[in-house]
Amino acid sequence: MSETVKVTVNLPAAVVEHLRAIAAANSQSLTAAIRDSIEINKYLMDQEQAHGKILIEMPDGKLRQVVRA
């Protein structure tokens, strides 16, 4: 892993609650949930920039394309 840098951010309370829920659901720290969320977003951005499509398979087997703003 690369060098660790401490960062302070201001987030809306609702976003912090989402992050806490993600952390709890994955039995991880808030820091790990933030790091994972950033990594996932970076991966999605890289795929979009490479003109890839992001697809979600729904419970009924249908594929839905994720369109991000």
PDB file of N, CA and C in Angstrom:
ATOM      1  N   MET A   1       0.851  -1.183   0.000  1.00  0.00           N
ATOM      2  CA  MET A   1       0.000   0.000   0.000  1.00  0.00           C
ATOM      3  C   MET A   1       0.889   1.235   0.000  1.00  0.00           C
ATOM      4  N   SER A   2       0.419   2.297  -0.613  1.00  0.00           N
ATOM      5  CA  SER A   2       1.203   3.521  -0.704  1.00  0.00           C
ATOM      6  C   SER A   2       1.135   4.315   0.597  1.00  0.00           C
ATOM      7  N   GLU A   3       1.854   5.407   0.603  1.00  0.00           N
ATOM      8  CA  GLU A   3       1.901   6.284   1.772  1.00  0.00           C
ATOM      9  C   GLU A   3       0.501   6.735   2.173  1.00  0.00           C
ATOM     10  N   THR A   4       0.257   6.817   3.453  1.00  0.00           N
ATOM     11  CA  THR A   4      -1.028   7.260   3.974  1.00  0.00           C
ATOM     12  C   THR A   4      -0.970   8.756   4.249  1.00  0.00           C
ATOM     13  N   VAL A   5      -2.022   9.469   3.824  1.00  0.00           N
ATOM     14  CA  VAL A   5      -2.128  10.903   4.028  1.00  0.00           C
ATOM     15  C   VAL A   5      -3.439  11.179   4.743  1.00  0.00           C
ATOM     16  N   LYS A   6      -3.381  11.953   5.808  1.00  0.00           N
ATOM     17  CA  LYS A   6      -4.599  12.295   6.535  1.00  0.00           C
ATOM     18  C   LYS A   6      -5.314  13.420   5.802  1.00  0.00           C
ATOM     19  N   VAL A   7      -6.632  13.248   5.623  1.00  0.00           N
ATOM     20  CA  VAL A   7      -7.454  14.222   4.918  1.00  0.00           C
ATOM     21  C   VAL A   7      -8.679  14.525   5.777  1.00  0.00           C
ATOM     22  N   THR A   8      -9.051  15.792   5.838  1.00  0.00           N
ATOM     23  CA  THR A   8     -10.257  16.187   6.545  1.00  0.00           C
ATOM     24  C   THR A   8     -11.273  16.653   5.515  1.00  0.00           C
ATOM     25  N   VAL A   9     -12.487  16.148   5.607  1.00  0.00           N
ATOM     26  CA  VAL A   9     -13.537  16.529   4.668  1.00  0.00           C
ATOM     27  C   VAL A   9     -14.791  16.940   5.426  1.00  0.00           C
ATOM     28  N   ASN A  10     -15.586  17.781   4.817  1.00  0.00           N
ATOM     29  CA  ASN A  10     -16.890  18.169   5.351  1.00  0.00           C
ATOM     30  C   ASN A  10     -17.951  17.531   4.466  1.00  0.00           C
ATOM     31  N   LEU A  11     -18.791  16.707   5.077  1.00  0.00           N
ATOM     32  CA  LEU A  11     -19.822  15.984   4.338  1.00  0.00           C
ATOM     33  C   LEU A  11     -21.177  16.233   4.972  1.00  0.00           C
ATOM     34  N   PRO A  12     -22.227  16.210   4.159  1.00  0.00           N
ATOM     35  CA  PRO A  12     -23.570  16.302   4.728  1.00  0.00           C
ATOM     36  C   PRO A  12     -23.816  15.118   5.664  1.00  0.00           C
ATOM     37  N   ALA A  13     -24.607  15.341   6.695  1.00  0.00           N
ATOM     38  CA  ALA A  13     -24.898  14.293   7.671  1.00  0.00           C
ATOM     39  C   ALA A  13     -25.459  13.042   7.001  1.00  0.00           C
ATOM     40  N   ALA A  14     -26.290  13.207   5.993  1.00  0.00           N
ATOM     41  CA  ALA A  14     -26.883  12.047   5.307  1.00  0.00           C
ATOM     42  C   ALA A  14     -25.808  11.190   4.639  1.00  0.00           C
ATOM     43  N   VAL A  15     -24.802  11.827   4.070  1.00  0.00           N
ATOM     44  CA  VAL A  15     -23.712  11.085   3.426  1.00  0.00           C
ATOM     45  C   VAL A  15     -22.916  10.308   4.471  1.00  0.00           C
ATOM     46  N   VAL A  16     -22.676  10.934   5.610  1.00  0.00           N
ATOM     47  CA  VAL A  16     -21.957  10.253   6.688  1.00  0.00           C
ATOM     48  C   VAL A  16     -22.759   9.044   7.167  1.00  0.00           C
ATOM     49  N   GLU A  17     -24.053   9.181   7.252  1.00  0.00           N
ATOM     50  CA  GLU A  17     -24.892   8.038   7.649  1.00  0.00           C
ATOM     51  C   GLU A  17     -24.818   6.921   6.624  1.00  0.00           C
ATOM     52  N   HIS A  18     -24.796   7.279   5.339  1.00  0.00           N
ATOM     53  CA  HIS A  18     -24.641   6.256   4.287  1.00  0.00           C
ATOM     54  C   HIS A  18     -23.309   5.533   4.461  1.00  0.00           C
ATOM     55  N   LEU A  19     -22.256   6.294   4.705  1.00  0.00           N
ATOM     56  CA  LEU A  19     -20.933   5.687   4.888  1.00  0.00           C
ATOM     57  C   LEU A  19     -20.899   4.784   6.119  1.00  0.00           C
ATOM     58  N   ARG A  20     -21.528   5.224   7.195  1.00  0.00           N
ATOM     59  CA  ARG A  20     -21.578   4.394   8.410  1.00  0.00           C
ATOM     60  C   ARG A  20     -22.344   3.097   8.145  1.00  0.00           C
ATOM     61  N   ALA A  21     -23.421   3.180   7.373  1.00  0.00           N
ATOM     62  CA  ALA A  21     -24.191   1.978   7.036  1.00  0.00           C
ATOM     63  C   ALA A  21     -23.359   1.032   6.172  1.00  0.00           C
ATOM     64  N   ILE A  22     -22.620   1.585   5.220  1.00  0.00           N
ATOM     65  CA  ILE A  22     -21.739   0.766   4.372  1.00  0.00           C
ATOM     66  C   ILE A  22     -20.682   0.084   5.231  1.00  0.00           C
ATOM     67  N   ALA A  23     -20.072   0.850   6.133  1.00  0.00           N
ATOM     68  CA  ALA A  23     -19.031   0.299   7.007  1.00  0.00           C
ATOM     69  C   ALA A  23     -19.591  -0.822   7.871  1.00  0.00           C
ATOM     70  N   ALA A  24     -20.742  -0.600   8.459  1.00  0.00           N
ATOM     71  CA  ALA A  24     -21.355  -1.617   9.323  1.00  0.00           C
ATOM     72  C   ALA A  24     -21.711  -2.877   8.537  1.00  0.00           C
ATOM     73  N   ALA A  25     -22.272  -2.694   7.349  1.00  0.00           N
ATOM     74  CA  ALA A  25     -22.675  -3.838   6.531  1.00  0.00           C
ATOM     75  C   ALA A  25     -21.484  -4.690   6.109  1.00  0.00           C
ATOM     76  N   ASN A  26     -20.312  -4.062   6.006  1.00  0.00           N
ATOM     77  CA  ASN A  26     -19.109  -4.771   5.566  1.00  0.00           C
ATOM     78  C   ASN A  26     -18.134  -5.039   6.713  1.00  0.00           C
ATOM     79  N   SER A  27     -18.565  -4.786   7.947  1.00  0.00           N
ATOM     80  CA  SER A  27     -17.714  -4.992   9.130  1.00  0.00           C
ATOM     81  C   SER A  27     -16.350  -4.328   8.953  1.00  0.00           C
ATOM     82  N   GLN A  28     -16.383  -3.054   8.579  1.00  0.00           N
ATOM     83  CA  GLN A  28     -15.135  -2.346   8.360  1.00  0.00           C
ATOM     84  C   GLN A  28     -15.201  -0.977   9.030  1.00  0.00           C
ATOM     85  N   SER A  29     -14.066  -0.334   9.093  1.00  0.00           N
ATOM     86  CA  SER A  29     -14.002   1.001   9.675  1.00  0.00           C
ATOM     87  C   SER A  29     -14.595   2.018   8.707  1.00  0.00           C
ATOM     88  N   LEU A  30     -14.900   3.183   9.239  1.00  0.00           N
ATOM     89  CA  LEU A  30     -15.393   4.268   8.398  1.00  0.00           C
ATOM     90  C   LEU A  30     -14.337   4.645   7.358  1.00  0.00           C
ATOM     91  N   THR A  31     -13.080   4.659   7.764  1.00  0.00           N
ATOM     92  CA  THR A  31     -11.986   4.961   6.836  1.00  0.00           C
ATOM     93  C   THR A  31     -11.952   3.961   5.691  1.00  0.00           C
ATOM     94  N   ALA A  32     -12.099   2.681   5.997  1.00  0.00           N
ATOM     95  CA  ALA A  32     -12.087   1.650   4.953  1.00  0.00           C
ATOM     96  C   ALA A  32     -13.282   1.807   4.017  1.00  0.00           C
ATOM     97  N   ALA A  33     -14.441   2.160   4.569  1.00  0.00           N
ATOM     98  CA  ALA A  33     -15.629   2.364   3.733  1.00  0.00           C
ATOM     99  C   ALA A  33     -15.432   3.540   2.791  1.00  0.00           C
ATOM    100  N   ILE A  34     -14.831   4.608   3.287  1.00  0.00           N
ATOM    101  CA  ILE A  34     -14.550   5.773   2.434  1.00  0.00           C
ATOM    102  C   ILE A  34     -13.558   5.396   1.346  1.00  0.00           C
ATOM    103  N   ARG A  35     -12.484   4.705   1.732  1.00  0.00           N
ATOM    104  CA  ARG A  35     -11.467   4.288   0.759  1.00  0.00           C
ATOM    105  C   ARG A  35     -12.084   3.390  -0.311  1.00  0.00           C
ATOM    106  N   ASP A  36     -12.888   2.404   0.095  1.00  0.00           N
ATOM    107  CA  ASP A  36     -13.523   1.505  -0.873  1.00  0.00           C
ATOM    108  C   ASP A  36     -14.467   2.266  -1.801  1.00  0.00           C
ATOM    109  N   SER A  37     -15.221   3.210  -1.243  1.00  0.00           N
ATOM    110  CA  SER A  37     -16.153   3.997  -2.056  1.00  0.00           C
ATOM    111  C   SER A  37     -15.410   4.802  -3.116  1.00  0.00           C
ATOM    112  N   ILE A  38     -14.286   5.372  -2.734  1.00  0.00           N
ATOM    113  CA  ILE A  38     -13.474   6.138  -3.687  1.00  0.00           C
ATOM    114  C   ILE A  38     -12.904   5.218  -4.759  1.00  0.00           C
ATOM    115  N   GLU A  39     -12.412   4.052  -4.354  1.00  0.00           N
ATOM    116  CA  GLU A  39     -11.848   3.102  -5.320  1.00  0.00           C
ATOM    117  C   GLU A  39     -12.904   2.621  -6.316  1.00  0.00           C
ATOM    118  N   ILE A  40     -14.099   2.341  -5.826  1.00  0.00           N
ATOM    119  CA  ILE A  40     -15.182   1.912  -6.718  1.00  0.00           C
ATOM    120  C   ILE A  40     -15.534   3.022  -7.696  1.00  0.00           C
ATOM    121  N   ASN A  41     -15.638   4.255  -7.208  1.00  0.00           N
ATOM    122  CA  ASN A  41     -15.953   5.382  -8.076  1.00  0.00           C
ATOM    123  C   ASN A  41     -14.863   5.564  -9.132  1.00  0.00           C
ATOM    124  N   LYS A  42     -13.598   5.427  -8.738  1.00  0.00           N
ATOM    125  CA  LYS A  42     -12.486   5.561  -9.682  1.00  0.00           C
ATOM    126  C   LYS A  42     -12.563   4.473 -10.748  1.00  0.00           C
ATOM    127  N   TYR A  43     -12.864   3.251 -10.350  1.00  0.00           N
ATOM    128  CA  TYR A  43     -12.989   2.150 -11.306  1.00  0.00           C
ATOM    129  C   TYR A  43     -14.100   2.441 -12.314  1.00  0.00           C
ATOM    130  N   LEU A  44     -15.250   2.893 -11.825  1.00  0.00           N
ATOM    131  CA  LEU A  44     -16.365   3.209 -12.710  1.00  0.00           C
ATOM    132  C   LEU A  44     -16.000   4.341 -13.675  1.00  0.00           C
ATOM    133  N   MET A  45     -15.329   5.365 -13.166  1.00  0.00           N
ATOM    134  CA  MET A  45     -14.890   6.471 -14.029  1.00  0.00           C
ATOM    135  C   MET A  45     -13.946   5.969 -15.117  1.00  0.00           C
ATOM    136  N   ASP A  46     -12.998   5.114 -14.737  1.00  0.00           N
ATOM    137  CA  ASP A  46     -12.049   4.567 -15.718  1.00  0.00           C
ATOM    138  C   ASP A  46     -12.774   3.787 -16.805  1.00  0.00           C
ATOM    139  N   GLN A  47     -13.774   3.000 -16.429  1.00  0.00           N
ATOM    140  CA  GLN A  47     -14.525   2.220 -17.416  1.00  0.00           C
ATOM    141  C   GLN A  47     -15.312   3.138 -18.350  1.00  0.00           C
ATOM    142  N   GLU A  48     -15.915   4.181 -17.791  1.00  0.00           N
ATOM    143  CA  GLU A  48     -16.666   5.129 -18.619  1.00  0.00           C
ATOM    144  C   GLU A  48     -15.739   5.863 -19.591  1.00  0.00           C
ATOM    145  N   GLN A  49     -14.570   6.254 -19.111  1.00  0.00           N
ATOM    146  CA  GLN A  49     -13.626   6.958 -19.969  1.00  0.00           C
ATOM    147  C   GLN A  49     -13.101   6.070 -21.089  1.00  0.00           C
ATOM    148  N   ALA A  50     -13.090   4.764 -20.849  1.00  0.00           N
ATOM    149  CA  ALA A  50     -12.669   3.805 -21.879  1.00  0.00           C
ATOM    150  C   ALA A  50     -13.850   3.392 -22.760  1.00  0.00           C
ATOM    151  N   HIS A  51     -14.969   4.110 -22.613  1.00  0.00           N
ATOM    152  CA  HIS A  51     -16.193   3.874 -23.378  1.00  0.00           C
ATOM    153  C   HIS A  51     -16.818   2.515 -23.058  1.00  0.00           C
ATOM    154  N   GLY A  52     -16.573   2.028 -21.846  1.00  0.00           N
ATOM    155  CA  GLY A  52     -17.218   0.799 -21.391  1.00  0.00           C
ATOM    156  C   GLY A  52     -18.608   1.113 -20.862  1.00  0.00           C
ATOM    157  N   LYS A  53     -19.423   0.098 -20.758  1.00  0.00           N
ATOM    158  CA  LYS A  53     -20.762   0.236 -20.188  1.00  0.00           C
ATOM    159  C   LYS A  53     -20.790  -0.439 -18.828  1.00  0.00           C
ATOM    160  N   ILE A  54     -21.519   0.158 -17.911  1.00  0.00           N
ATOM    161  CA  ILE A  54     -21.684  -0.407 -16.578  1.00  0.00           C
ATOM    162  C   ILE A  54     -23.088  -0.993 -16.521  1.00  0.00           C
ATOM    163  N   LEU A  55     -23.165  -2.308 -16.310  1.00  0.00           N
ATOM    164  CA  LEU A  55     -24.443  -3.007 -16.319  1.00  0.00           C
ATOM    165  C   LEU A  55     -24.698  -3.658 -14.964  1.00  0.00           C
ATOM    166  N   ILE A  56     -25.950  -3.622 -14.550  1.00  0.00           N
ATOM    167  CA  ILE A  56     -26.386  -4.276 -13.325  1.00  0.00           C
ATOM    168  C   ILE A  56     -27.381  -5.356 -13.721  1.00  0.00           C
ATOM    169  N   GLU A  57     -27.163  -6.570 -13.249  1.00  0.00           N
ATOM    170  CA  GLU A  57     -28.135  -7.626 -13.497  1.00  0.00           C
ATOM    171  C   GLU A  57     -29.176  -7.581 -12.386  1.00  0.00           C
ATOM    172  N   MET A  58     -30.422  -7.396 -12.769  1.00  0.00           N
ATOM    173  CA  MET A  58     -31.522  -7.305 -11.830  1.00  0.00           C
ATOM    174  C   MET A  58     -31.914  -8.709 -11.368  1.00  0.00           C
ATOM    175  N   PRO A  59     -32.631  -8.823 -10.250  1.00  0.00           N
ATOM    176  CA  PRO A  59     -33.030 -10.149  -9.753  1.00  0.00           C
ATOM    177  C   PRO A  59     -33.794 -10.982 -10.786  1.00  0.00           C
ATOM    178  N   ASP A  60     -34.494 -10.314 -11.715  1.00  0.00           N
ATOM    179  CA  ASP A  60     -35.235 -11.058 -12.738  1.00  0.00           C
ATOM    180  C   ASP A  60     -34.366 -11.458 -13.931  1.00  0.00           C
ATOM    181  N   GLY A  61     -33.061 -11.149 -13.842  1.00  0.00           N
ATOM    182  CA  GLY A  61     -32.136 -11.531 -14.907  1.00  0.00           C
ATOM    183  C   GLY A  61     -31.951 -10.464 -15.972  1.00  0.00           C
ATOM    184  N   LYS A  62     -32.762  -9.425 -15.970  1.00  0.00           N
ATOM    185  CA  LYS A  62     -32.621  -8.355 -16.944  1.00  0.00           C
ATOM    186  C   LYS A  62     -31.396  -7.512 -16.614  1.00  0.00           C
ATOM    187  N   LEU A  63     -30.766  -6.999 -17.679  1.00  0.00           N
ATOM    188  CA  LEU A  63     -29.625  -6.114 -17.496  1.00  0.00           C
ATOM    189  C   LEU A  63     -30.076  -4.671 -17.610  1.00  0.00           C
ATOM    190  N   ARG A  64     -29.592  -3.837 -16.704  1.00  0.00           N
ATOM    191  CA  ARG A  64     -29.872  -2.412 -16.742  1.00  0.00           C
ATOM    192  C   ARG A  64     -28.539  -1.674 -16.808  1.00  0.00           C
ATOM    193  N   GLN A  65     -28.465  -0.694 -17.689  1.00  0.00           N
ATOM    194  CA  GLN A  65     -27.249   0.099 -17.798  1.00  0.00           C
ATOM    195  C   GLN A  65     -27.288   1.214 -16.750  1.00  0.00           C
ATOM    196  N   VAL A  66     -26.162   1.395 -16.073  1.00  0.00           N
ATOM    197  CA  VAL A  66     -26.020   2.473 -15.100  1.00  0.00           C
ATOM    198  C   VAL A  66     -25.538   3.706 -15.840  1.00  0.00           C
ATOM    199  N   VAL A  67     -26.289   4.784 -15.776  1.00  0.00           N
ATOM    200  CA  VAL A  67     -25.898   6.039 -16.408  1.00  0.00           C
ATOM    201  C   VAL A  67     -25.623   7.033 -15.300  1.00  0.00           C
ATOM    202  N   ARG A  68     -24.399   7.500 -15.235  1.00  0.00           N
ATOM    203  CA  ARG A  68     -23.988   8.429 -14.181  1.00  0.00           C
ATOM    204  C   ARG A  68     -23.830   9.820 -14.773  1.00  0.00           C
ATOM    205  N   ALA A  69     -24.169  10.818 -13.978  1.00  0.00           N
ATOM    206  CA  ALA A  69     -24.048  12.210 -14.450  1.00  0.00           C
ATOM    207  C   ALA A  69     -22.642  12.695 -14.370  1.00  0.00           C
TER     208      ALA A  69
END
